[in-house]
PDB file of N, CA and C in Angstrom:
ATOM      1  N   UNK A   1     -16.813   3.297 -64.102  1.00  0.00           N
ATOM      2  CA  UNK A   1     -16.690   3.948 -65.399  1.00  0.00           C
ATOM      3  C   UNK A   1     -17.424   5.279 -65.350  1.00  0.00           C
ATOM      4  N   UNK A   2     -16.938   6.231 -66.055  1.00  0.00           N
ATOM      5  CA  UNK A   2     -17.505   7.572 -66.072  1.00  0.00           C
ATOM      6  C   UNK A   2     -18.831   7.588 -66.836  1.00  0.00           C
ATOM      7  N   UNK A   3     -19.724   8.466 -66.420  1.00  0.00           N
ATOM      8  CA  UNK A   3     -21.052   8.553 -67.027  1.00  0.00           C
ATOM      9  C   UNK A   3     -20.974   8.879 -68.519  1.00  0.00           C
ATOM     10  N   UNK A   4     -20.084   9.790 -68.897  1.00  0.00           N
ATOM     11  CA  UNK A   4     -19.953  10.139 -70.324  1.00  0.00           C
ATOM     12  C   UNK A   4     -19.562   8.936 -71.166  1.00  0.00           C
ATOM     13  N   UNK A   5     -18.657   8.114 -70.655  1.00  0.00           N
ATOM     14  CA  UNK A   5     -18.247   6.915 -71.391  1.00  0.00           C
ATOM     15  C   UNK A   5     -19.407   5.939 -71.509  1.00  0.00           C
ATOM     16  N   UNK A   6     -20.163   5.787 -70.446  1.00  0.00           N
ATOM     17  CA  UNK A   6     -21.312   4.873 -70.503  1.00  0.00           C
ATOM     18  C   UNK A   6     -22.367   5.380 -71.493  1.00  0.00           C
ATOM     19  N   UNK A   7     -22.585   6.683 -71.506  1.00  0.00           N
ATOM     20  CA  UNK A   7     -23.560   7.237 -72.458  1.00  0.00           C
ATOM     21  C   UNK A   7     -23.065   7.109 -73.895  1.00  0.00           C
ATOM     22  N   UNK A   8     -21.765   7.289 -74.105  1.00  0.00           N
ATOM     23  CA  UNK A   8     -21.200   7.086 -75.453  1.00  0.00           C
ATOM     24  C   UNK A   8     -21.356   5.636 -75.888  1.00  0.00           C
ATOM     25  N   UNK A   9     -21.116   4.737 -74.978  1.00  0.00           N
ATOM     26  CA  UNK A   9     -21.267   3.304 -75.282  1.00  0.00           C
ATOM     27  C   UNK A   9     -22.732   2.991 -75.606  1.00  0.00           C
ATOM     28  N   UNK A  10     -23.634   3.549 -74.827  1.00  0.00           N
ATOM     29  CA  UNK A  10     -25.069   3.362 -75.059  1.00  0.00           C
ATOM     30  C   UNK A  10     -25.455   3.885 -76.447  1.00  0.00           C
ATOM     31  N   UNK A  11     -24.938   5.062 -76.795  1.00  0.00           N
ATOM     32  CA  UNK A  11     -25.220   5.659 -78.099  1.00  0.00           C
ATOM     33  C   UNK A  11     -24.700   4.772 -79.228  1.00  0.00           C
ATOM     34  N   UNK A  12     -23.493   4.240 -79.074  1.00  0.00           N
ATOM     35  CA  UNK A  12     -22.907   3.388 -80.108  1.00  0.00           C
ATOM     36  C   UNK A  12     -23.728   2.107 -80.296  1.00  0.00           C
ATOM     37  N   UNK A  13     -24.168   1.529 -79.199  1.00  0.00           N
ATOM     38  CA  UNK A  13     -24.990   0.326 -79.303  1.00  0.00           C
ATOM     39  C   UNK A  13     -26.315   0.639 -79.982  1.00  0.00           C
ATOM     40  N   UNK A  14     -26.881   1.793 -79.683  1.00  0.00           N
ATOM     41  CA  UNK A  14     -28.135   2.205 -80.330  1.00  0.00           C
ATOM     42  C   UNK A  14     -27.922   2.393 -81.840  1.00  0.00           C
ATOM     43  N   UNK A  15     -26.804   2.992 -82.220  1.00  0.00           N
ATOM     44  CA  UNK A  15     -26.491   3.158 -83.640  1.00  0.00           C
ATOM     45  C   UNK A  15     -26.325   1.800 -84.321  1.00  0.00           C
ATOM     46  N   UNK A  16     -25.665   0.864 -83.646  1.00  0.00           N
ATOM     47  CA  UNK A  16     -25.540  -0.496 -84.186  1.00  0.00           C
ATOM     48  C   UNK A  16     -26.910  -1.146 -84.351  1.00  0.00           C
ATOM     49  N   UNK A  17     -27.795  -0.896 -83.413  1.00  0.00           N
ATOM     50  CA  UNK A  17     -29.145  -1.447 -83.517  1.00  0.00           C
ATOM     51  C   UNK A  17     -29.869  -0.867 -84.726  1.00  0.00           C
ATOM     52  N   UNK A  18     -29.712   0.416 -84.956  1.00  0.00           N
ATOM     53  CA  UNK A  18     -30.342   1.050 -86.118  1.00  0.00           C
ATOM     54  C   UNK A  18     -29.832   0.406 -87.409  1.00  0.00           C
ATOM     55  N   UNK A  19     -28.529   0.230 -87.493  1.00  0.00           N
ATOM     56  CA  UNK A  19     -27.958  -0.399 -88.705  1.00  0.00           C
ATOM     57  C   UNK A  19     -28.450  -1.830 -88.862  1.00  0.00           C
ATOM     58  N   UNK A  20     -28.546  -2.557 -87.748  1.00  0.00           N
ATOM     59  CA  UNK A  20     -29.020  -3.933 -87.810  1.00  0.00           C
ATOM     60  C   UNK A  20     -30.457  -4.013 -88.278  1.00  0.00           C
ATOM     61  N   UNK A  21     -31.300  -3.119 -87.788  1.00  0.00           N
ATOM     62  CA  UNK A  21     -32.708  -3.111 -88.197  1.00  0.00           C
ATOM     63  C   UNK A  21     -32.811  -2.746 -89.682  1.00  0.00           C
ATOM     64  N   UNK A  22     -32.002  -1.819 -90.139  1.00  0.00           N
ATOM     65  CA  UNK A  22     -32.018  -1.435 -91.555  1.00  0.00           C
ATOM     66  C   UNK A  22     -31.589  -2.608 -92.440  1.00  0.00           C
ATOM     67  N   UNK A  23     -30.670  -3.436 -91.939  1.00  0.00           N
ATOM     68  CA  UNK A  23     -30.175  -4.584 -92.705  1.00  0.00           C
ATOM     69  C   UNK A  23     -30.954  -5.855 -92.431  1.00  0.00           C
ATOM     70  N   UNK A  24     -32.073  -5.763 -91.697  1.00  0.00           N
ATOM     71  CA  UNK A  24     -32.906  -6.915 -91.340  1.00  0.00           C
ATOM     72  C   UNK A  24     -32.145  -7.981 -90.569  1.00  0.00           C
ATOM     73  N   UNK A  25     -31.296  -7.554 -89.662  1.00  0.00           N
ATOM     74  CA  UNK A  25     -30.554  -8.478 -88.810  1.00  0.00           C
ATOM     75  C   UNK A  25     -31.182  -8.499 -87.417  1.00  0.00           C
ATOM     76  N   UNK A  26     -30.857  -9.526 -86.653  1.00  0.00           N
ATOM     77  CA  UNK A  26     -31.411  -9.658 -85.302  1.00  0.00           C
ATOM     78  C   UNK A  26     -30.721  -8.679 -84.352  1.00  0.00           C
ATOM     79  N   UNK A  27     -31.489  -8.191 -83.383  1.00  0.00           N
ATOM     80  CA  UNK A  27     -30.949  -7.197 -82.450  1.00  0.00           C
ATOM     81  C   UNK A  27     -31.024  -7.642 -80.995  1.00  0.00           C
ATOM     82  N   UNK A  28     -31.325  -8.911 -80.740  1.00  0.00           N
ATOM     83  CA  UNK A  28     -31.501  -9.367 -79.366  1.00  0.00           C
ATOM     84  C   UNK A  28     -30.241  -9.170 -78.530  1.00  0.00           C
ATOM     85  N   UNK A  29     -29.086  -9.511 -79.082  1.00  0.00           N
ATOM     86  CA  UNK A  29     -27.836  -9.362 -78.324  1.00  0.00           C
ATOM     87  C   UNK A  29     -27.537  -7.897 -78.041  1.00  0.00           C
ATOM     88  N   UNK A  30     -27.829  -7.040 -79.013  1.00  0.00           N
ATOM     89  CA  UNK A  30     -27.616  -5.613 -78.805  1.00  0.00           C
ATOM     90  C   UNK A  30     -28.573  -5.057 -77.761  1.00  0.00           C
ATOM     91  N   UNK A  31     -29.800  -5.578 -77.725  1.00  0.00           N
ATOM     92  CA  UNK A  31     -30.749  -5.159 -76.689  1.00  0.00           C
ATOM     93  C   UNK A  31     -30.239  -5.538 -75.306  1.00  0.00           C
ATOM     94  N   UNK A  32     -29.695  -6.742 -75.194  1.00  0.00           N
ATOM     95  CA  UNK A  32     -29.150  -7.179 -73.907  1.00  0.00           C
ATOM     96  C   UNK A  32     -27.959  -6.320 -73.491  1.00  0.00           C
ATOM     97  N   UNK A  33     -27.087  -6.015 -74.452  1.00  0.00           N
ATOM     98  CA  UNK A  33     -25.927  -5.188 -74.148  1.00  0.00           C
ATOM     99  C   UNK A  33     -26.360  -3.784 -73.705  1.00  0.00           C
ATOM    100  N   UNK A  34     -27.347  -3.247 -74.371  1.00  0.00           N
ATOM    101  CA  UNK A  34     -27.837  -1.923 -74.019  1.00  0.00           C
ATOM    102  C   UNK A  34     -28.464  -1.925 -72.627  1.00  0.00           C
ATOM    103  N   UNK A  35     -29.180  -2.994 -72.292  1.00  0.00           N
ATOM    104  CA  UNK A  35     -29.764  -3.098 -70.959  1.00  0.00           C
ATOM    105  C   UNK A  35     -28.678  -3.193 -69.883  1.00  0.00           C
ATOM    106  N   UNK A  36     -27.590  -3.914 -70.196  1.00  0.00           N
ATOM    107  CA  UNK A  36     -26.467  -3.991 -69.254  1.00  0.00           C
ATOM    108  C   UNK A  36     -25.868  -2.605 -69.009  1.00  0.00           C
ATOM    109  N   UNK A  37     -25.752  -1.816 -70.062  1.00  0.00           N
ATOM    110  CA  UNK A  37     -25.230  -0.446 -69.914  1.00  0.00           C
ATOM    111  C   UNK A  37     -26.158   0.378 -69.027  1.00  0.00           C
ATOM    112  N   UNK A  38     -27.460   0.256 -69.252  1.00  0.00           N
ATOM    113  CA  UNK A  38     -28.428   0.984 -68.424  1.00  0.00           C
ATOM    114  C   UNK A  38     -28.321   0.554 -66.960  1.00  0.00           C
ATOM    115  N   UNK A  39     -28.135  -0.740 -66.736  1.00  0.00           N
ATOM    116  CA  UNK A  39     -27.990  -1.221 -65.362  1.00  0.00           C
ATOM    117  C   UNK A  39     -26.733  -0.653 -64.716  1.00  0.00           C
ATOM    118  N   UNK A  40     -25.632  -0.597 -65.469  1.00  0.00           N
ATOM    119  CA  UNK A  40     -24.391  -0.027 -64.929  1.00  0.00           C
ATOM    120  C   UNK A  40     -24.556   1.458 -64.627  1.00  0.00           C
ATOM    121  N   UNK A  41     -25.277   2.181 -65.493  1.00  0.00           N
ATOM    122  CA  UNK A  41     -25.518   3.599 -65.256  1.00  0.00           C
ATOM    123  C   UNK A  41     -26.305   3.782 -63.964  1.00  0.00           C
ATOM    124  N   UNK A  42     -27.329   2.961 -63.783  1.00  0.00           N
ATOM    125  CA  UNK A  42     -28.157   3.128 -62.579  1.00  0.00           C
ATOM    126  C   UNK A  42     -27.404   2.769 -61.301  1.00  0.00           C
ATOM    127  N   UNK A  43     -26.430   1.854 -61.396  1.00  0.00           N
ATOM    128  CA  UNK A  43     -25.672   1.446 -60.210  1.00  0.00           C
ATOM    129  C   UNK A  43     -24.530   2.410 -59.934  1.00  0.00           C
ATOM    130  N   UNK A  44     -23.791   2.814 -60.978  1.00  0.00           N
ATOM    131  CA  UNK A  44     -22.548   3.564 -60.797  1.00  0.00           C
ATOM    132  C   UNK A  44     -22.732   5.074 -60.720  1.00  0.00           C
ATOM    133  N   UNK A  45     -23.828   5.601 -61.218  1.00  0.00           N
ATOM    134  CA  UNK A  45     -23.976   7.061 -61.297  1.00  0.00           C
ATOM    135  C   UNK A  45     -25.150   7.518 -60.453  1.00  0.00           C
ATOM    136  N   UNK A  46     -25.013   8.694 -59.891  1.00  0.00           N
ATOM    137  CA  UNK A  46     -26.121   9.256 -59.128  1.00  0.00           C
ATOM    138  C   UNK A  46     -27.042  10.058 -60.044  1.00  0.00           C
ATOM    139  N   UNK A  47     -28.245  10.326 -59.599  1.00  0.00           N
ATOM    140  CA  UNK A  47     -29.253  10.995 -60.410  1.00  0.00           C
ATOM    141  C   UNK A  47     -28.875  12.386 -60.844  1.00  0.00           C
ATOM    142  N   UNK A  48     -28.163  13.129 -60.004  1.00  0.00           N
ATOM    143  CA  UNK A  48     -27.797  14.513 -60.334  1.00  0.00           C
ATOM    144  C   UNK A  48     -26.859  14.567 -61.538  1.00  0.00           C
ATOM    145  N   UNK A  49     -25.895  13.667 -61.595  1.00  0.00           N
ATOM    146  CA  UNK A  49     -24.955  13.685 -62.722  1.00  0.00           C
ATOM    147  C   UNK A  49     -25.659  13.283 -64.024  1.00  0.00           C
ATOM    148  N   UNK A  50     -26.666  12.441 -63.930  1.00  0.00           N
ATOM    149  CA  UNK A  50     -27.416  12.049 -65.129  1.00  0.00           C
ATOM    150  C   UNK A  50     -28.234  13.232 -65.649  1.00  0.00           C
ATOM    151  N   UNK A  51     -28.839  13.988 -64.750  1.00  0.00           N
ATOM    152  CA  UNK A  51     -29.658  15.135 -65.153  1.00  0.00           C
ATOM    153  C   UNK A  51     -28.792  16.235 -65.757  1.00  0.00           C
ATOM    154  N   UNK A  52     -27.556  16.376 -65.307  1.00  0.00           N
ATOM    155  CA  UNK A  52     -26.676  17.459 -65.774  1.00  0.00           C
ATOM    156  C   UNK A  52     -26.216  17.292 -67.215  1.00  0.00           C
ATOM    157  N   UNK A  53     -26.331  16.152 -67.786  1.00  0.00           N
ATOM    158  CA  UNK A  53     -25.793  15.916 -69.132  1.00  0.00           C
ATOM    159  C   UNK A  53     -26.944  15.955 -70.144  1.00  0.00           C
ATOM    160  N   UNK A  54     -27.400  17.139 -70.470  1.00  0.00           N
ATOM    161  CA  UNK A  54     -28.537  17.299 -71.396  1.00  0.00           C
ATOM    162  C   UNK A  54     -28.157  17.090 -72.853  1.00  0.00           C
ATOM    163  N   UNK A  55     -26.992  17.550 -73.253  1.00  0.00           N
ATOM    164  CA  UNK A  55     -26.591  17.450 -74.658  1.00  0.00           C
ATOM    165  C   UNK A  55     -26.510  16.002 -75.093  1.00  0.00           C
ATOM    166  N   UNK A  56     -25.879  15.169 -74.278  1.00  0.00           N
ATOM    167  CA  UNK A  56     -25.772  13.745 -74.611  1.00  0.00           C
ATOM    168  C   UNK A  56     -27.166  13.113 -74.666  1.00  0.00           C
ATOM    169  N   UNK A  57     -28.007  13.480 -73.723  1.00  0.00           N
ATOM    170  CA  UNK A  57     -29.353  12.907 -73.682  1.00  0.00           C
ATOM    171  C   UNK A  57     -30.144  13.278 -74.924  1.00  0.00           C
ATOM    172  N   UNK A  58     -30.008  14.519 -75.387  1.00  0.00           N
ATOM    173  CA  UNK A  58     -30.727  14.935 -76.602  1.00  0.00           C
ATOM    174  C   UNK A  58     -30.249  14.135 -77.812  1.00  0.00           C
ATOM    175  N   UNK A  59     -28.955  13.935 -77.905  1.00  0.00           N
ATOM    176  CA  UNK A  59     -28.387  13.169 -79.023  1.00  0.00           C
ATOM    177  C   UNK A  59     -28.869  11.726 -78.963  1.00  0.00           C
ATOM    178  N   UNK A  60     -28.847  11.154 -77.780  1.00  0.00           N
ATOM    179  CA  UNK A  60     -29.305   9.777 -77.607  1.00  0.00           C
ATOM    180  C   UNK A  60     -30.798   9.671 -77.910  1.00  0.00           C
ATOM    181  N   UNK A  61     -31.581  10.662 -77.499  1.00  0.00           N
ATOM    182  CA  UNK A  61     -33.029  10.644 -77.772  1.00  0.00           C
ATOM    183  C   UNK A  61     -33.313  10.652 -79.266  1.00  0.00           C
ATOM    184  N   UNK A  62     -32.500  11.379 -80.041  1.00  0.00           N
ATOM    185  CA  UNK A  62     -32.686  11.385 -81.492  1.00  0.00           C
ATOM    186  C   UNK A  62     -32.471   9.992 -82.069  1.00  0.00           C
ATOM    187  N   UNK A  63     -31.436   9.315 -81.604  1.00  0.00           N
ATOM    188  CA  UNK A  63     -31.184   7.940 -82.068  1.00  0.00           C
ATOM    189  C   UNK A  63     -32.288   6.997 -81.604  1.00  0.00           C
ATOM    190  N   UNK A  64     -32.771   7.190 -80.394  1.00  0.00           N
ATOM    191  CA  UNK A  64     -33.862   6.366 -79.886  1.00  0.00           C
ATOM    192  C   UNK A  64     -35.115   6.521 -80.753  1.00  0.00           C
ATOM    193  N   UNK A  65     -35.445   7.746 -81.114  1.00  0.00           N
ATOM    194  CA  UNK A  65     -36.607   8.006 -81.961  1.00  0.00           C
ATOM    195  C   UNK A  65     -36.429   7.376 -83.328  1.00  0.00           C
ATOM    196  N   UNK A  66     -35.235   7.470 -83.887  1.00  0.00           N
ATOM    197  CA  UNK A  66     -34.966   6.875 -85.194  1.00  0.00           C
ATOM    198  C   UNK A  66     -35.106   5.363 -85.122  1.00  0.00           C
ATOM    199  N   UNK A  67     -34.575   4.748 -84.078  1.00  0.00           N
ATOM    200  CA  UNK A  67     -34.678   3.316 -83.900  1.00  0.00           C
ATOM    201  C   UNK A  67     -36.141   2.900 -83.738  1.00  0.00           C
ATOM    202  N   UNK A  68     -36.878   3.621 -82.921  1.00  0.00           N
ATOM    203  CA  UNK A  68     -38.308   3.333 -82.713  1.00  0.00           C
ATOM    204  C   UNK A  68     -39.072   3.403 -84.031  1.00  0.00           C
ATOM    205  N   UNK A  69     -38.806   4.424 -84.820  1.00  0.00           N
ATOM    206  CA  UNK A  69     -39.468   4.587 -86.100  1.00  0.00           C
ATOM    207  C   UNK A  69     -39.138   3.438 -87.063  1.00  0.00           C
ATOM    208  N   UNK A  70     -37.870   3.057 -87.114  1.00  0.00           N
ATOM    209  CA  UNK A  70     -37.454   1.955 -87.991  1.00  0.00           C
ATOM    210  C   UNK A  70     -38.124   0.647 -87.591  1.00  0.00           C
ATOM    211  N   UNK A  71     -38.141   0.366 -86.302  1.00  0.00           N
ATOM    212  CA  UNK A  71     -38.742  -0.881 -85.837  1.00  0.00           C
ATOM    213  C   UNK A  71     -40.236  -0.891 -86.143  1.00  0.00           C
ATOM    214  N   UNK A  72     -40.918   0.220 -85.928  1.00  0.00           N
ATOM    215  CA  UNK A  72     -42.346   0.286 -86.253  1.00  0.00           C
ATOM    216  C   UNK A  72     -42.592   0.105 -87.739  1.00  0.00           C
ATOM    217  N   UNK A  73     -41.762   0.708 -88.587  1.00  0.00           N
ATOM    218  CA  UNK A  73     -41.917   0.540 -90.030  1.00  0.00           C
ATOM    219  C   UNK A  73     -41.700  -0.901 -90.447  1.00  0.00           C
ATOM    220  N   UNK A  74     -40.706  -1.557 -89.868  1.00  0.00           N
ATOM    221  CA  UNK A  74     -40.457  -2.972 -90.172  1.00  0.00           C
ATOM    222  C   UNK A  74     -41.622  -3.835 -89.737  1.00  0.00           C
ATOM    223  N   UNK A  75     -42.190  -3.542 -88.566  1.00  0.00           N
ATOM    224  CA  UNK A  75     -43.341  -4.291 -88.088  1.00  0.00           C
ATOM    225  C   UNK A  75     -44.529  -4.117 -89.025  1.00  0.00           C
ATOM    226  N   UNK A  76     -44.750  -2.908 -89.515  1.00  0.00           N
ATOM    227  CA  UNK A  76     -45.855  -2.672 -90.444  1.00  0.00           C
ATOM    228  C   UNK A  76     -45.645  -3.431 -91.751  1.00  0.00           C
ATOM    229  N   UNK A  77     -44.407  -3.472 -92.241  1.00  0.00           N
ATOM    230  CA  UNK A  77     -44.111  -4.234 -93.456  1.00  0.00           C
ATOM    231  C   UNK A  77     -44.411  -5.711 -93.252  1.00  0.00           C
ATOM    232  N   UNK A  78     -44.004  -6.248 -92.125  1.00  0.00           N
ATOM    233  CA  UNK A  78     -44.252  -7.663 -91.836  1.00  0.00           C
ATOM    234  C   UNK A  78     -45.743  -7.932 -91.743  1.00  0.00           C
ATOM    235  N   UNK A  79     -46.482  -7.050 -91.081  1.00  0.00           N
ATOM    236  CA  UNK A  79     -47.938  -7.214 -90.977  1.00  0.00           C
ATOM    237  C   UNK A  79     -48.596  -7.181 -92.342  1.00  0.00           C
ATOM    238  N   UNK A  80     -48.145  -6.278 -93.215  1.00  0.00           N
ATOM    239  CA  UNK A  80     -48.713  -6.215 -94.568  1.00  0.00           C
ATOM    240  C   UNK A  80     -48.422  -7.504 -95.339  1.00  0.00           C
ATOM    241  N   UNK A  81     -47.197  -8.013 -95.205  1.00  0.00           N
ATOM    242  CA  UNK A  81     -46.849  -9.262 -95.885  1.00  0.00           C
ATOM    243  C   UNK A  81     -47.687 -10.421 -95.365  1.00  0.00           C
ATOM    244  N   UNK A  82     -47.894 -10.477 -94.062  1.00  0.00           N
ATOM    245  CA  UNK A  82     -48.714 -11.542 -93.494  1.00  0.00           C
ATOM    246  C   UNK A  82     -50.145 -11.434 -94.013  1.00  0.00           C
ATOM    247  N   UNK A  83     -50.667 -10.219 -94.085  1.00  0.00           N
ATOM    248  CA  UNK A  83     -52.029 -10.015 -94.587  1.00  0.00           C
ATOM    249  C   UNK A  83     -52.148 -10.456 -96.042  1.00  0.00           C
ATOM    250  N   UNK A  84     -51.134 -10.123 -96.871  1.00  0.00           N
ATOM    251  CA  UNK A  84     -51.153 -10.540 -98.276  1.00  0.00           C
ATOM    252  C   UNK A  84     -51.130 -12.056 -98.394  1.00  0.00           C
ATOM    253  N   UNK A  85     -50.313 -12.703 -97.560  1.00  0.00           N
ATOM    254  CA  UNK A  85     -50.222 -14.157 -97.600  1.00  0.00           C
ATOM    255  C   UNK A  85     -51.559 -14.781 -97.210  1.00  0.00           C
ATOM    256  N   UNK A  86     -52.180 -14.260 -96.152  1.00  0.00           N
ATOM    257  CA  UNK A  86     -53.482 -14.786 -95.735  1.00  0.00           C
ATOM    258  C   UNK A  86     -54.530 -14.590 -96.816  1.00  0.00           C
ATOM    259  N   UNK A  87     -54.533 -13.414 -97.451  1.00  0.00           N
ATOM    260  CA  UNK A  87     -55.492 -13.161 -98.512  1.00  0.00           C
ATOM    261  C   UNK A  87     -55.274 -14.111 -99.685  1.00  0.00           C
ATOM    262  N   UNK A  88     -54.023 -14.357-100.053  1.00  0.00           N
ATOM    263  CA  UNK A  88     -53.772 -15.254-101.169  1.00  0.00           C
ATOM    264  C   UNK A  88     -54.169 -16.695-100.820  1.00  0.00           C
ATOM    265  N   UNK A  89     -54.004 -17.073 -99.546  1.00  0.00           N
ATOM    266  CA  UNK A  89     -54.433 -18.409 -99.122  1.00  0.00           C
ATOM    267  C   UNK A  89     -55.952 -18.538 -99.199  1.00  0.00           C
ATOM    268  N   UNK A  90     -56.664 -17.507 -98.787  1.00  0.00           N
ATOM    269  CA  UNK A  90     -58.124 -17.527 -98.848  1.00  0.00           C
ATOM    270  C   UNK A  90     -58.572 -17.620-100.303  1.00  0.00           C
ATOM    271  N   UNK A  91     -57.977 -16.841-101.172  1.00  0.00           N
ATOM    272  CA  UNK A  91     -58.332 -16.888-102.593  1.00  0.00           C
ATOM    273  C   UNK A  91     -58.035 -18.265-103.169  1.00  0.00           C
ATOM    274  N   UNK A  92     -56.902 -18.834-102.824  1.00  0.00           N
ATOM    275  CA  UNK A  92     -56.540 -20.155-103.331  1.00  0.00           C
ATOM    276  C   UNK A  92     -57.541 -21.199-102.842  1.00  0.00           C
ATOM    277  N   UNK A  93     -57.883 -21.146-101.560  1.00  0.00           N
ATOM    278  CA  UNK A  93     -58.840 -22.117-101.005  1.00  0.00           C
ATOM    279  C   UNK A  93     -60.208 -21.987-101.659  1.00  0.00           C
ATOM    280  N   UNK A  94     -60.669 -20.777-101.911  1.00  0.00           N
ATOM    281  CA  UNK A  94     -61.953 -20.592-102.578  1.00  0.00           C
ATOM    282  C   UNK A  94     -61.893 -21.103-104.007  1.00  0.00           C
ATOM    283  N   UNK A  95     -60.798 -20.860-104.678  1.00  0.00           N
ATOM    284  CA  UNK A  95     -60.631 -21.357-106.035  1.00  0.00           C
ATOM    285  C   UNK A  95     -60.612 -22.876-106.048  1.00  0.00           C
ATOM    286  N   UNK A  96     -59.899 -23.478-105.091  1.00  0.00           N
ATOM    287  CA  UNK A  96     -59.829 -24.938-105.011  1.00  0.00           C
ATOM    288  C   UNK A  96     -61.211 -25.512-104.694  1.00  0.00           C
ATOM    289  N   UNK A  97     -61.963 -24.890-103.813  1.00  0.00           N
ATOM    290  CA  UNK A  97     -63.322 -25.358-103.509  1.00  0.00           C
ATOM    291  C   UNK A  97     -64.214 -25.232-104.724  1.00  0.00           C
ATOM    292  N   UNK A  98     -64.077 -24.136-105.434  1.00  0.00           N
ATOM    293  CA  UNK A  98     -64.911 -23.919-106.615  1.00  0.00           C
ATOM    294  C   UNK A  98     -64.613 -24.973-107.663  1.00  0.00           C
ATOM    295  N   UNK A  99     -63.354 -25.278-107.910  1.00  0.00           N
ATOM    296  CA  UNK A  99     -62.978 -26.259-108.935  1.00  0.00           C
ATOM    297  C   UNK A  99     -63.160 -27.688-108.452  1.00  0.00           C
ATOM    298  N   UNK A 100     -63.069 -27.929-107.167  1.00  0.00           N
ATOM    299  CA  UNK A 100     -63.190 -29.284-106.633  1.00  0.00           C
ATOM    300  C   UNK A 100     -64.623 -29.789-106.645  1.00  0.00           C
ATOM    301  N   UNK A 101     -65.585 -28.924-106.548  1.00  0.00           N
ATOM    302  CA  UNK A 101     -66.997 -29.315-106.520  1.00  0.00           C
ATOM    303  C   UNK A 101     -67.682 -28.834-107.793  1.00  0.00           C
ATOM    304  N   UNK A 102     -67.302 -29.449-108.901  1.00  0.00           N
ATOM    305  CA  UNK A 102     -67.889 -28.982-110.147  1.00  0.00           C
ATOM    306  C   UNK A 102     -69.338 -29.483-110.272  1.00  0.00           C
ATOM    307  N   UNK A 103     -70.175 -28.559-110.675  1.00  0.00           N
ATOM    308  CA  UNK A 103     -71.606 -28.848-110.823  1.00  0.00           C
ATOM    309  C   UNK A 103     -72.002 -28.448-112.255  1.00  0.00           C
ATOM    310  N   UNK A 104     -72.749 -29.317-112.880  1.00  0.00           N
ATOM    311  CA  UNK A 104     -73.296 -28.990-114.200  1.00  0.00           C
ATOM    312  C   UNK A 104     -74.809 -29.160-114.102  1.00  0.00           C
ATOM    313  N   UNK A 105     -75.518 -28.088-114.382  1.00  0.00           N
ATOM    314  CA  UNK A 105     -76.980 -28.075-114.338  1.00  0.00           C
ATOM    315  C   UNK A 105     -77.496 -28.609-113.000  1.00  0.00           C
ATOM    316  N   UNK A 106     -76.907 -28.156-111.926  1.00  0.00           N
ATOM    317  CA  UNK A 106     -77.305 -28.518-110.561  1.00  0.00           C
ATOM    318  C   UNK A 106     -77.119 -29.999-110.253  1.00  0.00           C
ATOM    319  N   UNK A 107     -76.317 -30.686-111.029  1.00  0.00           N
ATOM    320  CA  UNK A 107     -76.043 -32.091-110.770  1.00  0.00           C
ATOM    321  C   UNK A 107     -74.558 -32.242-110.511  1.00  0.00           C
ATOM    322  N   UNK A 108     -74.278 -32.915-109.397  1.00  0.00           N
ATOM    323  CA  UNK A 108     -72.879 -33.087-109.038  1.00  0.00           C
ATOM    324  C   UNK A 108     -72.270 -34.178-109.903  1.00  0.00           C
ATOM    325  N   UNK A 109     -71.069 -33.934-110.388  1.00  0.00           N
ATOM    326  CA  UNK A 109     -70.405 -34.917-111.245  1.00  0.00           C
ATOM    327  C   UNK A 109     -69.384 -35.669-110.443  1.00  0.00           C
TER     328      UNK A 109
END
């Protein structure tokens, strides 16, 4: 397969990954497909032809940066949600401990 076609296919898979991340869908299969394309590029194409195609590489790099940014933002959102859940669990446990061990005038009831 020609290098331009492989790069177009790689770009399309990257765009699909961006859409999937935006829609909170899984991207494992797309990652595998993209890796297969990279493997085919490394086997079928020589280094000189890869270097000669700068315009495609720049376009692909823009999509790569967008995907990287989206994935990092999603990870930060998940981390914030996990932190909120942990904090609410700590607050609940402290409240339960406070109410479970009621003391009146230093005497346990």
